[in-house]
Protein backbone atom coordinates (compact mmCIF):
# COMPACT_ATOMS: atom_id res chain seq x y z
CA UNK A 1 -15.75 20.85 21.20
CA UNK A 2 -12.04 21.48 20.50
CA UNK A 3 -12.14 25.22 21.11
CA UNK A 4 -8.88 26.48 22.63
CA UNK A 5 -7.27 23.04 22.27
CA UNK A 6 -3.53 22.90 22.99
CA UNK A 7 -3.03 19.91 20.66
CA UNK A 8 -0.96 20.57 17.55
CA UNK A 9 -2.40 17.78 15.41
CA UNK A 10 -5.96 16.50 15.37
CA UNK A 11 -7.08 13.45 13.38
CA UNK A 12 -10.84 13.03 13.48
CA UNK A 13 -11.36 10.60 10.63
CA UNK A 14 -13.33 8.22 12.89
CA UNK A 15 -15.84 10.85 14.07
CA UNK A 16 -19.45 10.20 13.04
CA UNK A 17 -20.84 13.62 12.13
CA UNK A 18 -23.90 12.56 10.15
CA UNK A 19 -26.31 14.12 12.69
CA UNK A 20 -24.34 17.31 13.42
CA UNK A 21 -26.21 20.53 12.60
CA UNK A 22 -23.70 23.14 13.83
CA UNK A 23 -19.91 23.32 13.87
CA UNK A 24 -19.93 26.84 15.30
CA UNK A 25 -16.56 27.65 16.97
CA UNK A 26 -15.63 23.95 16.94
CA UNK A 27 -11.88 24.56 16.60
CA UNK A 28 -11.69 28.30 17.33
CA UNK A 29 -8.62 29.67 19.12
CA UNK A 30 -6.88 26.27 19.12
CA UNK A 31 -3.16 25.66 18.55
CA UNK A 32 -3.80 22.98 15.92
CA UNK A 33 -1.41 23.06 12.94
CA UNK A 34 -2.78 19.98 11.12
CA UNK A 35 -6.38 18.82 11.16
CA UNK A 36 -7.95 15.83 9.44
CA UNK A 37 -11.69 16.22 8.98
CA UNK A 38 -11.76 14.18 5.80
CA UNK A 39 -14.56 11.98 7.14
CA UNK A 40 -16.76 14.87 8.33
CA UNK A 41 -20.18 14.58 6.75
CA UNK A 42 -21.64 18.09 6.86
CA UNK A 43 -24.81 17.25 5.00
CA UNK A 44 -27.01 18.41 7.91
CA UNK A 45 -24.82 21.30 9.08
CA UNK A 46 -26.50 24.67 8.69
CA UNK A 47 -23.82 26.88 10.27
CA UNK A 48 -20.03 26.85 10.39
CA UNK A 49 -19.73 30.28 11.98
CA UNK A 50 -16.24 30.76 13.49
CA UNK A 51 -15.46 27.05 12.99
CA UNK A 52 -11.77 27.78 12.32
CA UNK A 53 -11.67 31.28 13.79
CA UNK A 54 -8.35 32.56 15.16
CA UNK A 55 -6.44 29.35 14.43
CA UNK A 56 -3.24 31.26 13.79
CA UNK A 57 -1.03 28.13 13.66
CA UNK A 58 -3.18 26.18 11.19
CA UNK A 59 -1.21 25.01 8.14
CA UNK A 60 -3.00 21.91 6.79
CA UNK A 61 -6.66 20.89 6.64
CA UNK A 62 -7.62 17.52 5.14
CA UNK A 63 -11.15 17.70 3.66
CA UNK A 64 -13.14 15.37 1.43
CA UNK A 65 -16.21 15.64 -0.75
CA UNK A 66 -18.32 14.89 2.34
CA UNK A 67 -17.44 18.35 3.65
CA UNK A 68 -19.84 20.63 1.86
CA UNK A 69 -19.98 24.40 2.11
CA UNK A 70 -23.54 24.48 0.79
CA UNK A 71 -24.58 25.91 4.11
CA UNK A 72 -26.93 28.62 5.24
CA UNK A 73 -24.31 30.40 7.36
CA UNK A 74 -20.59 30.33 6.59
CA UNK A 75 -20.03 33.65 8.35
CA UNK A 76 -16.37 34.21 9.22
CA UNK A 77 -15.67 30.46 9.14
CA UNK A 78 -11.93 31.10 8.58
CA UNK A 79 -11.61 34.41 10.44
CA UNK A 80 -7.92 35.19 11.17
CA UNK A 81 -6.62 32.02 9.49
CA UNK A 82 -3.73 32.19 7.05
CA UNK A 83 -3.52 28.87 5.22
């Protein structure tokens, strides 16, 4: 969805993610430095594979208790990310 985005900041607090089942590569290879996914409800997500992969500029991620990593596949979710 935001893969390879050129935006530096991304605020997604108004996104309704209650029915999302995969966040695979959602932000991979983007230039985002700050991301707000504090309203992401990952209750139905079963894979986050490469969700934040190769986000070399990422400094800040805003999460909440709605973002759960009780997932079946979290394979390389933060591959090449230095937070």
